[in-house]
N, C-alpha and C. Protein backbone atom coordinates (compact mmCIF):
# COMPACT_ATOMS: atom_id res chain seq x y z
N UNK A 1 -52.21 19.96 -54.55
CA UNK A 1 -53.37 19.26 -53.49
C UNK A 1 -53.96 20.06 -52.51
N UNK A 2 -53.60 21.16 -52.14
CA UNK A 2 -54.17 22.12 -51.52
C UNK A 2 -55.27 23.07 -52.32
N UNK A 3 -55.01 23.23 -53.52
CA UNK A 3 -55.96 24.21 -54.53
C UNK A 3 -57.20 23.02 -54.49
N UNK A 4 -57.29 21.70 -54.59
CA UNK A 4 -58.17 21.20 -54.60
C UNK A 4 -59.17 20.48 -53.26
N UNK A 5 -58.41 21.57 -52.13
CA UNK A 5 -59.11 21.37 -51.10
C UNK A 5 -58.72 20.39 -50.05
N UNK A 6 -57.85 19.49 -50.23
CA UNK A 6 -57.24 18.71 -49.31
C UNK A 6 -55.40 19.04 -48.42
N UNK A 7 -55.60 18.23 -47.53
CA UNK A 7 -54.18 18.63 -46.92
C UNK A 7 -53.82 17.32 -46.48
N UNK A 8 -52.34 17.02 -46.83
CA UNK A 8 -51.88 15.58 -46.71
C UNK A 8 -51.95 14.79 -45.42
N UNK A 9 -51.57 15.89 -44.28
CA UNK A 9 -51.35 15.49 -43.12
C UNK A 9 -50.10 14.48 -42.68
N UNK A 10 -48.97 13.92 -43.50
CA UNK A 10 -47.92 12.95 -43.25
C UNK A 10 -47.01 13.24 -44.24
N UNK A 11 -46.59 14.40 -44.14
CA UNK A 11 -45.42 14.93 -45.07
C UNK A 11 -44.05 14.38 -44.22
N UNK A 12 -43.74 13.18 -44.97
CA UNK A 12 -42.13 12.82 -44.61
C UNK A 12 -41.65 12.11 -45.33
N UNK A 13 -40.19 11.53 -45.68
CA UNK A 13 -39.51 11.65 -46.32
C UNK A 13 -39.81 10.47 -47.29
N UNK A 14 -40.59 9.24 -46.57
CA UNK A 14 -41.08 8.30 -47.56
C UNK A 14 -42.06 8.87 -48.40
N UNK A 15 -42.69 9.75 -48.15
CA UNK A 15 -43.70 9.99 -49.18
C UNK A 15 -43.64 10.89 -50.48
N UNK A 16 -42.40 11.03 -50.63
CA UNK A 16 -41.62 11.90 -51.71
C UNK A 16 -40.64 10.71 -52.14
N UNK A 17 -41.20 10.59 -53.72
CA UNK A 17 -40.74 9.48 -54.45
C UNK A 17 -40.06 10.50 -55.78
N UNK A 18 -38.76 10.34 -56.35
CA UNK A 18 -38.20 10.88 -57.42
C UNK A 18 -38.51 10.21 -58.88
N UNK A 19 -39.05 10.70 -59.76
CA UNK A 19 -39.48 10.20 -60.88
C UNK A 19 -38.57 9.62 -61.82
N UNK A 20 -38.73 8.38 -62.31
CA UNK A 20 -37.98 7.08 -62.90
C UNK A 20 -37.88 7.77 -64.28
N UNK A 21 -38.45 8.41 -65.00
CA UNK A 21 -38.11 8.93 -66.36
C UNK A 21 -37.59 10.84 -66.47
N UNK A 22 -38.04 11.36 -65.37
CA UNK A 22 -37.47 12.15 -65.37
C UNK A 22 -37.10 12.69 -63.62
N UNK A 23 -35.86 12.47 -63.48
CA UNK A 23 -35.42 12.80 -61.75
C UNK A 23 -35.93 13.90 -61.46
N UNK A 24 -36.16 15.07 -62.28
CA UNK A 24 -36.74 16.47 -61.78
C UNK A 24 -37.90 16.43 -61.01
N UNK A 25 -39.01 15.45 -61.45
CA UNK A 25 -40.25 15.43 -60.92
C UNK A 25 -40.23 14.79 -59.56
N UNK A 26 -40.70 15.28 -58.61
CA UNK A 26 -41.04 14.93 -57.29
C UNK A 26 -42.93 14.60 -56.98
N UNK A 27 -42.60 13.40 -56.53
CA UNK A 27 -44.23 12.83 -56.83
C UNK A 27 -44.61 12.62 -54.94
N UNK A 28 -45.53 13.09 -54.48
CA UNK A 28 -45.89 12.68 -53.16
C UNK A 28 -47.27 11.51 -53.19
N UNK A 29 -46.78 10.75 -52.33
CA UNK A 29 -47.64 9.71 -52.23
C UNK A 29 -48.47 9.33 -50.91
N UNK A 30 -48.87 8.38 -50.59
CA UNK A 30 -49.57 8.07 -48.99
C UNK A 30 -50.74 8.90 -48.83
N UNK A 31 -51.84 8.95 -49.45
CA UNK A 31 -53.07 10.00 -48.85
C UNK A 31 -53.78 9.22 -47.76
N UNK A 32 -53.43 8.24 -47.30
CA UNK A 32 -53.97 7.63 -46.26
C UNK A 32 -54.94 8.01 -45.08
N UNK A 33 -54.13 9.37 -44.51
CA UNK A 33 -54.70 10.32 -43.60
C UNK A 33 -55.06 11.50 -44.39
N UNK A 34 -55.44 11.58 -45.50
CA UNK A 34 -55.44 13.25 -45.89
C UNK A 34 -56.85 13.39 -45.48
N UNK A 35 -56.92 14.62 -45.62
CA UNK A 35 -58.35 15.08 -45.18
C UNK A 35 -58.74 16.52 -45.89
N UNK A 36 -59.92 17.06 -46.08
CA UNK A 36 -60.22 18.04 -46.69
C UNK A 36 -60.49 19.03 -45.29
N UNK A 37 -59.79 20.11 -46.10
CA UNK A 37 -59.97 21.73 -45.12
C UNK A 37 -60.74 22.40 -45.35
N UNK A 38 -61.86 22.20 -46.40
CA UNK A 38 -62.96 22.54 -47.15
C UNK A 38 -64.38 22.30 -46.43
N UNK A 39 -65.20 22.65 -46.27
CA UNK A 39 -66.66 21.87 -45.98
C UNK A 39 -67.45 22.32 -47.49
N UNK A 40 -68.26 21.52 -47.79
CA UNK A 40 -69.13 21.56 -48.96
C UNK A 40 -69.36 22.67 -49.61
N UNK A 41 -69.89 23.79 -48.59
CA UNK A 41 -69.98 24.98 -49.33
C UNK A 41 -68.90 25.86 -49.54
N UNK A 42 -67.58 25.15 -49.30
CA UNK A 42 -66.59 26.11 -49.82
C UNK A 42 -65.77 26.70 -48.67
N UNK A 43 -66.59 26.66 -47.28
CA UNK A 43 -66.09 27.39 -46.13
C UNK A 43 -64.79 26.63 -45.47
N UNK A 44 -64.05 26.88 -44.55
CA UNK A 44 -63.22 26.33 -43.96
C UNK A 44 -63.71 25.86 -42.89
N UNK A 45 -63.02 24.40 -42.44
CA UNK A 45 -63.80 23.64 -41.55
C UNK A 45 -63.09 24.33 -40.35
N UNK A 46 -63.80 24.17 -39.11
CA UNK A 46 -63.76 24.46 -37.86
C UNK A 46 -62.23 23.58 -37.32
N UNK A 47 -61.62 24.13 -36.34
CA UNK A 47 -60.32 23.71 -35.51
C UNK A 47 -61.31 22.48 -34.54
N UNK A 48 -60.71 21.40 -34.69
CA UNK A 48 -61.11 20.35 -33.63
C UNK A 48 -60.32 19.71 -32.69
N UNK A 49 -60.17 19.41 -31.56
CA UNK A 49 -59.23 18.53 -30.90
C UNK A 49 -59.65 17.22 -30.84
N UNK A 50 -58.66 16.26 -31.08
CA UNK A 50 -58.99 14.78 -31.22
C UNK A 50 -58.19 14.27 -29.70
N UNK A 51 -58.30 13.33 -29.63
CA UNK A 51 -58.13 12.25 -28.66
C UNK A 51 -56.68 11.28 -28.43
N UNK A 52 -56.24 11.44 -30.20
CA UNK A 52 -55.23 10.77 -30.46
C UNK A 52 -54.26 11.72 -31.40
N UNK A 53 -53.14 11.23 -31.39
CA UNK A 53 -51.98 11.31 -32.40
C UNK A 53 -52.08 11.11 -33.65
N UNK A 54 -52.17 11.52 -35.12
CA UNK A 54 -52.24 11.23 -36.41
C UNK A 54 -50.93 11.38 -36.75
N UNK A 55 -50.27 10.78 -37.58
CA UNK A 55 -49.26 11.62 -38.34
C UNK A 55 -47.75 10.94 -38.05
N UNK A 56 -46.92 11.41 -38.49
CA UNK A 56 -45.07 11.27 -38.17
C UNK A 56 -44.89 11.84 -37.05
N UNK A 57 -44.24 11.64 -35.94
CA UNK A 57 -43.83 12.51 -34.62
C UNK A 57 -42.38 13.44 -35.13
N UNK A 58 -41.81 13.13 -36.39
CA UNK A 58 -40.75 13.56 -36.48
C UNK A 58 -41.19 15.05 -37.18
N UNK A 59 -42.16 15.02 -38.38
CA UNK A 59 -42.16 15.95 -39.57
C UNK A 59 -43.66 16.51 -38.92
N UNK A 60 -44.16 16.28 -37.82
CA UNK A 60 -45.72 17.03 -37.78
C UNK A 60 -45.46 18.34 -37.07
N UNK A 61 -46.51 18.88 -37.57
CA UNK A 61 -46.75 20.38 -37.58
C UNK A 61 -46.82 20.21 -35.44
N UNK A 62 -46.79 21.61 -35.10
CA UNK A 62 -47.09 21.59 -33.76
C UNK A 62 -48.41 21.51 -33.37
N UNK A 63 -49.58 21.98 -34.19
CA UNK A 63 -50.89 21.76 -34.10
C UNK A 63 -51.18 20.31 -34.03
N UNK A 64 -50.62 20.02 -34.75
CA UNK A 64 -51.01 18.34 -34.98
C UNK A 64 -50.37 17.42 -33.57
N UNK A 65 -49.29 17.75 -33.66
CA UNK A 65 -48.69 17.07 -32.15
C UNK A 65 -49.54 17.58 -30.72
N UNK A 66 -50.39 18.61 -30.94
CA UNK A 66 -51.27 18.91 -29.77
C UNK A 66 -52.53 18.19 -30.31
N UNK A 67 -52.65 17.25 -31.17
CA UNK A 67 -53.99 16.83 -31.53
C UNK A 67 -55.04 17.59 -32.17
N UNK A 68 -54.62 18.67 -32.89
CA UNK A 68 -55.80 19.33 -33.48
C UNK A 68 -55.76 18.99 -34.81
N UNK A 69 -56.73 19.21 -35.50
CA UNK A 69 -57.25 18.87 -36.75
C UNK A 69 -56.16 19.82 -37.56
N UNK A 70 -55.82 19.41 -39.04
CA UNK A 70 -54.85 19.89 -39.63
C UNK A 70 -55.40 20.73 -40.83
N UNK A 71 -54.66 22.00 -41.25
CA UNK A 71 -55.02 22.58 -42.30
C UNK A 71 -53.75 22.74 -42.88
N UNK A 72 -53.55 23.77 -44.02
CA UNK A 72 -52.73 23.97 -45.03
C UNK A 72 -51.27 24.16 -44.60
N UNK A 73 -51.50 25.00 -43.28
CA UNK A 73 -50.26 25.65 -42.46
C UNK A 73 -49.79 24.38 -41.91
N UNK A 74 -50.55 23.17 -41.72
CA UNK A 74 -49.72 22.14 -41.04
C UNK A 74 -48.92 21.63 -41.75
N UNK A 75 -49.12 21.49 -43.33
CA UNK A 75 -48.69 20.83 -44.39
C UNK A 75 -47.35 21.68 -44.43
N UNK A 76 -47.17 22.97 -44.61
CA UNK A 76 -46.36 23.82 -44.99
C UNK A 76 -45.21 23.59 -43.80
N UNK A 77 -45.79 23.60 -42.75
CA UNK A 77 -44.94 23.40 -41.40
C UNK A 77 -44.03 21.97 -41.42
N UNK A 78 -44.48 20.91 -41.68
CA UNK A 78 -44.19 19.76 -42.22
C UNK A 78 -42.80 19.30 -43.22
N UNK A 79 -43.35 20.34 -44.24
CA UNK A 79 -42.51 20.67 -45.21
C UNK A 79 -41.43 21.12 -44.91
N UNK A 80 -41.42 22.33 -44.23
CA UNK A 80 -40.22 22.92 -43.93
C UNK A 80 -39.36 21.92 -42.83
N UNK A 81 -40.06 21.40 -41.95
CA UNK A 81 -39.22 20.49 -41.08
C UNK A 81 -38.73 19.32 -42.10
N UNK A 82 -38.96 18.77 -42.96
CA UNK A 82 -38.39 17.98 -43.94
C UNK A 82 -37.22 18.46 -44.42
N UNK A 83 -37.14 19.75 -44.98
CA UNK A 83 -35.98 20.50 -45.58
C UNK A 83 -35.11 20.87 -44.62
N UNK A 84 -35.28 21.02 -43.12
CA UNK A 84 -34.32 21.56 -42.60
C UNK A 84 -34.11 20.07 -42.08
N UNK A 85 -34.33 18.71 -41.78
CA UNK A 85 -33.85 17.53 -41.46
C UNK A 85 -33.11 16.96 -42.45
N UNK A 86 -33.13 17.44 -43.53
CA UNK A 86 -32.10 17.41 -44.85
C UNK A 86 -31.41 17.94 -44.96
N UNK A 87 -31.40 19.58 -44.72
CA UNK A 87 -30.13 20.06 -44.53
C UNK A 87 -29.23 19.87 -43.02
N UNK A 88 -29.43 19.26 -42.33
CA UNK A 88 -28.86 19.36 -41.02
C UNK A 88 -28.64 17.77 -40.87
N UNK A 89 -28.20 17.15 -41.93
CA UNK A 89 -27.81 15.64 -41.95
C UNK A 89 -28.60 14.63 -41.17
N UNK A 90 -29.76 14.91 -41.35
CA UNK A 90 -30.87 14.07 -40.68
C UNK A 90 -31.04 14.45 -39.41
N UNK A 91 -31.16 15.46 -38.86
CA UNK A 91 -31.34 15.87 -37.67
C UNK A 91 -32.49 17.09 -37.27
N UNK A 92 -33.30 16.71 -36.27
CA UNK A 92 -34.07 17.97 -35.84
C UNK A 92 -33.66 17.92 -34.26
N UNK A 93 -33.99 19.04 -33.44
CA UNK A 93 -33.88 18.86 -32.03
C UNK A 93 -34.76 17.80 -31.15
N UNK A 94 -35.99 17.56 -31.81
CA UNK A 94 -36.58 16.26 -31.05
C UNK A 94 -36.08 15.00 -31.95
N UNK A 95 -35.05 14.78 -32.57
CA UNK A 95 -34.97 13.23 -33.33
C UNK A 95 -34.34 12.38 -32.05
N UNK A 96 -33.75 12.60 -31.44
CA UNK A 96 -32.68 11.77 -30.22
C UNK A 96 -33.88 11.79 -28.94
N UNK A 97 -34.90 11.79 -29.04
CA UNK A 97 -35.97 12.38 -27.40
C UNK A 97 -35.71 10.78 -27.15
N UNK A 98 -35.78 9.75 -27.83
CA UNK A 98 -35.42 8.12 -27.09
C UNK A 98 -34.28 8.37 -25.98
N UNK A 99 -33.11 8.68 -26.53
CA UNK A 99 -31.95 8.85 -25.90
C UNK A 99 -31.85 9.61 -24.99
N UNK A 100 -32.33 10.83 -25.31
CA UNK A 100 -32.04 12.06 -24.28
C UNK A 100 -32.81 11.85 -23.09
N UNK A 101 -34.36 10.97 -23.39
CA UNK A 101 -35.06 10.73 -22.10
C UNK A 101 -34.85 9.57 -21.61
N UNK A 102 -34.21 8.58 -22.05
CA UNK A 102 -33.69 6.99 -21.63
C UNK A 102 -34.06 6.91 -20.16
N UNK A 103 -34.69 5.93 -19.42
CA UNK A 103 -34.57 5.74 -17.91
C UNK A 103 -35.57 6.90 -17.44
N UNK A 104 -36.19 7.58 -18.17
CA UNK A 104 -37.19 8.31 -17.43
C UNK A 104 -38.72 7.97 -17.64
N UNK A 105 -38.99 6.48 -18.27
CA UNK A 105 -40.14 5.76 -18.41
C UNK A 105 -41.17 6.86 -18.95
N UNK A 106 -40.70 7.61 -19.95
CA UNK A 106 -41.42 8.54 -20.81
C UNK A 106 -42.57 7.52 -21.60
N UNK A 107 -43.75 7.82 -21.66
CA UNK A 107 -44.75 7.49 -22.60
C UNK A 107 -45.04 8.33 -23.96
N UNK A 108 -45.42 7.97 -24.87
CA UNK A 108 -45.38 8.49 -26.00
C UNK A 108 -46.22 10.03 -25.97
N UNK A 109 -46.76 10.02 -24.96
CA UNK A 109 -47.72 11.42 -24.44
C UNK A 109 -46.81 12.23 -24.02
N UNK A 110 -45.59 11.84 -23.54
CA UNK A 110 -44.91 12.35 -22.57
C UNK A 110 -44.16 12.84 -23.75
N UNK A 111 -43.52 12.28 -24.81
CA UNK A 111 -42.85 12.99 -25.90
C UNK A 111 -43.62 13.80 -26.71
N UNK A 112 -45.02 13.61 -26.79
CA UNK A 112 -45.51 14.86 -27.63
C UNK A 112 -45.45 16.33 -26.97
N UNK A 113 -45.78 16.02 -25.41
CA UNK A 113 -46.06 17.17 -24.75
C UNK A 113 -44.66 17.81 -24.78
N UNK A 114 -43.20 16.77 -24.71
CA UNK A 114 -42.22 17.90 -24.91
C UNK A 114 -42.08 18.31 -26.21
N UNK A 115 -42.68 17.70 -27.01
CA UNK A 115 -41.99 18.26 -28.53
C UNK A 115 -42.66 19.67 -28.64
N UNK A 116 -43.98 19.79 -27.90
CA UNK A 116 -44.37 21.20 -28.10
C UNK A 116 -43.45 22.48 -27.38
N UNK A 117 -42.73 21.92 -26.89
CA UNK A 117 -42.17 23.11 -25.67
C UNK A 117 -41.48 23.85 -26.84
N UNK A 118 -41.31 25.54 -26.49
CA UNK A 118 -41.35 26.59 -27.35
C UNK A 118 -39.85 26.17 -27.58
N UNK A 119 -38.72 25.65 -26.80
CA UNK A 119 -37.07 26.03 -26.92
C UNK A 119 -37.27 25.09 -28.06
N UNK A 120 -37.75 23.94 -28.36
CA UNK A 120 -37.51 23.20 -29.79
C UNK A 120 -37.94 24.14 -30.96
N UNK A 121 -39.02 24.80 -30.96
CA UNK A 121 -39.01 25.65 -32.17
C UNK A 121 -38.07 26.52 -32.28
N UNK A 122 -37.51 27.35 -31.14
CA UNK A 122 -36.19 28.34 -31.25
C UNK A 122 -35.20 27.46 -31.82
N UNK A 123 -34.91 26.24 -31.56
CA UNK A 123 -33.82 25.31 -31.85
C UNK A 123 -33.54 25.00 -33.53
N UNK A 124 -35.11 24.86 -33.72
CA UNK A 124 -35.37 24.38 -35.29
C UNK A 124 -35.22 25.60 -35.95
N UNK A 125 -35.58 26.77 -35.64
CA UNK A 125 -35.32 28.10 -36.39
C UNK A 125 -33.93 28.37 -36.29
N UNK A 126 -32.84 28.01 -35.45
CA UNK A 126 -31.50 28.40 -35.49
C UNK A 126 -31.04 26.90 -36.53
N UNK A 127 -31.81 26.11 -36.64
CA UNK A 127 -31.03 25.22 -37.70
C UNK A 127 -31.57 25.72 -39.23
N UNK A 128 -32.51 26.66 -39.26
CA UNK A 128 -33.25 26.98 -40.41
C UNK A 128 -31.98 27.83 -41.18
N UNK A 129 -31.88 28.00 -42.59
CA UNK A 129 -31.36 28.62 -43.47
C UNK A 129 -31.15 30.44 -42.87
N UNK A 130 -30.42 31.05 -42.62
CA UNK A 130 -30.34 32.42 -42.31
C UNK A 130 -31.43 33.04 -43.25
N UNK A 131 -31.58 32.92 -44.83
CA UNK A 131 -32.36 33.10 -45.49
C UNK A 131 -33.54 33.06 -45.75
N UNK A 132 -34.00 31.52 -44.85
CA UNK A 132 -35.00 31.08 -45.17
C UNK A 132 -36.15 31.06 -43.55
N UNK A 133 -35.18 31.96 -42.66
CA UNK A 133 -35.78 32.09 -41.38
C UNK A 133 -37.16 33.20 -41.14
N UNK A 134 -37.11 33.93 -42.13
CA UNK A 134 -38.38 34.99 -42.04
C UNK A 134 -39.48 34.06 -42.48
N UNK A 135 -39.48 33.58 -43.40
CA UNK A 135 -40.67 32.73 -44.07
C UNK A 135 -41.00 31.73 -43.28
N UNK A 136 -39.94 31.03 -43.04
CA UNK A 136 -40.42 29.71 -41.80
C UNK A 136 -41.03 30.63 -40.49
N UNK A 137 -40.53 31.52 -40.07
CA UNK A 137 -41.38 32.31 -39.02
C UNK A 137 -42.79 32.40 -39.43
N UNK A 138 -43.15 33.13 -40.51
CA UNK A 138 -44.32 33.26 -40.96
C UNK A 138 -45.37 31.98 -41.27
N UNK A 139 -44.56 30.80 -41.61
CA UNK A 139 -45.53 29.69 -41.17
C UNK A 139 -45.76 29.29 -40.57
N UNK A 140 -44.96 29.25 -39.44
CA UNK A 140 -45.24 28.78 -37.68
C UNK A 140 -46.02 29.73 -37.33
N UNK A 141 -46.41 31.16 -38.07
CA UNK A 141 -47.14 31.59 -37.14
C UNK A 141 -49.09 31.98 -37.59
N UNK A 142 -48.96 31.27 -38.98
CA UNK A 142 -50.08 31.05 -39.75
C UNK A 142 -50.99 30.40 -39.36
N UNK A 143 -52.35 31.15 -39.03
CA UNK A 143 -53.54 30.68 -38.50
C UNK A 143 -54.11 29.67 -39.21
N UNK A 144 -55.16 28.92 -38.42
CA UNK A 144 -55.63 27.42 -38.68
C UNK A 144 -56.28 27.85 -40.15
N UNK A 145 -56.91 28.60 -40.16
CA UNK A 145 -57.55 29.07 -41.50
C UNK A 145 -56.83 29.90 -42.59
N UNK A 146 -55.65 30.68 -42.38
CA UNK A 146 -55.14 31.13 -43.12
C UNK A 146 -54.31 30.42 -44.28
N UNK A 147 -54.52 30.92 -45.46
CA UNK A 147 -53.50 30.64 -46.72
C UNK A 147 -52.29 30.96 -46.57
N UNK A 148 -51.32 30.00 -46.89
CA UNK A 148 -50.26 29.97 -46.64
C UNK A 148 -49.55 31.00 -48.18
N UNK A 149 -48.25 31.73 -47.73
CA UNK A 149 -47.79 32.51 -48.88
C UNK A 149 -47.10 31.46 -49.76
N UNK A 150 -47.84 30.94 -50.40
CA UNK A 150 -46.91 29.69 -51.54
C UNK A 150 -46.07 30.49 -52.38
N UNK A 151 -46.46 31.59 -52.73
CA UNK A 151 -45.48 32.41 -53.98
C UNK A 151 -44.21 32.78 -53.31
N UNK A 152 -44.34 33.32 -52.04
CA UNK A 152 -43.34 33.82 -51.22
C UNK A 152 -42.39 32.63 -51.20
N UNK A 153 -42.95 31.63 -50.57
CA UNK A 153 -42.23 30.24 -50.05
C UNK A 153 -41.60 29.95 -51.19
N UNK A 154 -41.93 29.78 -52.23
CA UNK A 154 -41.19 29.07 -53.35
C UNK A 154 -39.99 30.19 -53.52
N UNK A 155 -40.79 31.53 -53.92
CA UNK A 155 -39.34 32.34 -54.17
C UNK A 155 -38.32 32.17 -53.43
N UNK A 156 -38.82 32.22 -52.20
CA UNK A 156 -37.51 32.05 -51.15
C UNK A 156 -36.39 30.90 -51.14
N UNK A 157 -37.19 30.00 -51.48
CA UNK A 157 -36.44 28.65 -51.54
C UNK A 157 -35.54 28.68 -52.79
N UNK A 158 -36.34 29.11 -53.88
CA UNK A 158 -35.49 29.25 -55.12
C UNK A 158 -34.67 30.06 -55.16
N UNK A 159 -34.66 31.09 -54.30
CA UNK A 159 -33.53 32.22 -53.78
C UNK A 159 -32.17 31.35 -53.31
N UNK A 160 -32.69 31.05 -52.27
CA UNK A 160 -31.50 30.18 -51.39
C UNK A 160 -31.07 28.88 -52.15
N UNK A 161 -31.77 28.24 -53.14
CA UNK A 161 -31.03 27.22 -53.73
C UNK A 161 -29.96 27.73 -54.76
N UNK A 162 -30.42 28.78 -55.66
CA UNK A 162 -29.38 29.83 -56.49
C UNK A 162 -28.21 29.99 -55.68
N UNK A 163 -28.55 30.91 -54.91
CA UNK A 163 -27.47 31.18 -53.94
C UNK A 163 -26.47 30.30 -53.45
N UNK A 164 -26.85 28.96 -53.26
CA UNK A 164 -25.91 28.44 -52.88
C UNK A 164 -25.26 27.29 -54.19
N UNK A 165 -25.72 27.66 -55.10
CA UNK A 165 -25.17 26.67 -56.68
C UNK A 165 -23.83 27.28 -56.58
N UNK A 166 -22.96 26.09 -56.95
CA UNK A 166 -21.35 26.04 -56.89
C UNK A 166 -21.10 26.64 -58.38
N UNK A 167 -20.40 27.63 -58.52
CA UNK A 167 -19.81 27.96 -59.93
C UNK A 167 -18.47 27.17 -60.37
N UNK A 168 -18.49 26.94 -61.20
CA UNK A 168 -17.22 26.47 -61.73
C UNK A 168 -16.01 27.34 -62.58
N UNK A 169 -15.03 26.84 -62.98
CA UNK A 169 -14.12 27.87 -63.78
C UNK A 169 -14.50 28.45 -64.52
N UNK A 170 -15.51 27.99 -65.51
CA UNK A 170 -16.29 28.69 -66.84
C UNK A 170 -17.26 29.47 -66.34
N UNK A 171 -17.52 29.86 -64.90
CA UNK A 171 -18.56 30.62 -64.56
C UNK A 171 -19.78 30.10 -64.77
N UNK A 172 -20.00 28.93 -65.25
CA UNK A 172 -21.48 28.14 -65.37
C UNK A 172 -21.57 27.19 -63.90
N UNK A 173 -22.98 27.24 -63.55
CA UNK A 173 -23.27 26.27 -62.55
C UNK A 173 -22.72 25.21 -62.53
N UNK A 174 -22.22 24.79 -61.61
CA UNK A 174 -22.06 22.79 -61.40
C UNK A 174 -23.09 22.20 -61.36
N UNK A 175 -23.52 21.57 -62.45
CA UNK A 175 -24.78 20.64 -62.05
C UNK A 175 -24.56 19.32 -61.65
N UNK A 176 -25.12 18.93 -60.51
CA UNK A 176 -24.74 17.50 -59.46
C UNK A 176 -25.77 16.67 -60.42
N UNK A 177 -25.13 15.66 -60.39
CA UNK A 177 -25.81 14.33 -60.55
C UNK A 177 -26.33 13.65 -59.28
N UNK A 178 -27.25 13.28 -59.24
CA UNK A 178 -27.96 12.54 -57.96
C UNK A 178 -27.84 11.30 -58.50
N UNK A 179 -27.73 10.42 -57.30
CA UNK A 179 -27.47 8.83 -57.27
C UNK A 179 -28.40 8.19 -58.49
N UNK A 180 -29.87 8.67 -58.12
CA UNK A 180 -31.10 8.13 -59.03
C UNK A 180 -31.14 8.61 -60.34
N UNK A 181 -30.20 9.61 -60.61
CA UNK A 181 -30.05 10.26 -62.08
C UNK A 181 -29.28 9.05 -62.69
N UNK A 182 -28.21 8.42 -62.09
CA UNK A 182 -26.98 7.65 -63.06
C UNK A 182 -27.62 6.82 -63.48
N UNK A 183 -27.15 6.29 -64.96
CA UNK A 183 -27.49 5.04 -65.19
C UNK A 183 -26.51 3.84 -64.78
N UNK A 184 -26.72 2.74 -65.05
CA UNK A 184 -25.63 1.61 -64.54
C UNK A 184 -24.41 1.95 -65.19
N UNK A 185 -24.28 2.67 -66.60
CA UNK A 185 -23.00 2.82 -67.05
C UNK A 185 -22.06 3.56 -66.18
N UNK A 186 -22.60 4.66 -65.87
CA UNK A 186 -22.10 5.81 -65.01
C UNK A 186 -21.43 5.33 -63.36
N UNK A 187 -22.75 4.39 -62.92
CA UNK A 187 -22.21 4.20 -61.48
C UNK A 187 -20.84 3.02 -61.51
N UNK A 188 -20.69 2.29 -62.73
CA UNK A 188 -19.46 1.24 -62.85
C UNK A 188 -18.59 2.15 -62.96
N UNK A 189 -18.40 3.19 -64.07
CA UNK A 189 -17.65 4.33 -64.34
C UNK A 189 -17.11 5.02 -63.07
N UNK A 190 -18.25 5.44 -62.36
CA UNK A 190 -17.63 5.98 -60.89
C UNK A 190 -16.99 5.37 -60.09
N UNK A 191 -17.61 3.91 -59.97
CA UNK A 191 -16.95 2.84 -58.81
C UNK A 191 -15.53 2.77 -59.21
N UNK A 192 -15.22 2.81 -60.82
CA UNK A 192 -13.77 2.25 -60.82
C UNK A 192 -13.12 3.84 -60.84
N UNK A 193 -13.61 4.93 -61.40
CA UNK A 193 -12.43 6.06 -60.65
C UNK A 193 -12.26 6.14 -59.12
N UNK A 194 -13.20 5.48 -58.42
CA UNK A 194 -12.72 5.87 -57.14
C UNK A 194 -11.97 4.81 -56.39
N UNK A 195 -11.66 3.69 -57.50
CA UNK A 195 -10.57 2.80 -57.24
C UNK A 195 -9.19 3.05 -57.45
N UNK A 196 -9.13 4.29 -58.82
CA UNK A 196 -7.94 4.52 -59.04
C UNK A 196 -7.12 5.47 -57.96
């Protein structure tokens, strides 16, 4: 997508689909607020400030929360927030803002201002796997027109996944089957085995 000159601007769990015929393929959907980051002449767009927030509060980049136009670095920040959310049982430091500030008469604008507080960036860094903290920091520090280090990001994520692969007694990786990979017969069998 970035190679084509576009940013998604709304990366969140709802916008990732698992392939029906090949569950190893993940599809990205909902390009309703996608935008180009390149001008017609191929130069990078200028950073602009908007009057309203656009996107998903939970996974939006710091720049997006601050109502600035988005670029590739913002998609990468959002992607890291999605990964950290999944790795931390559906939690990010700002997940419970509604409960945390209940009774304070906070408006959505107040939540936006609170979300950019540097303490939440520190807290999300603490939730990041140790081996990914360096690349996460690099992504958070990218400038508006910077090209994200895609190869380095992919390499670090692959290494982290490989590090966490469980090894069976035969020293072969244990291959986990996800729920969406199971056919109806394996689901019935699994249910039967659980009942034994």
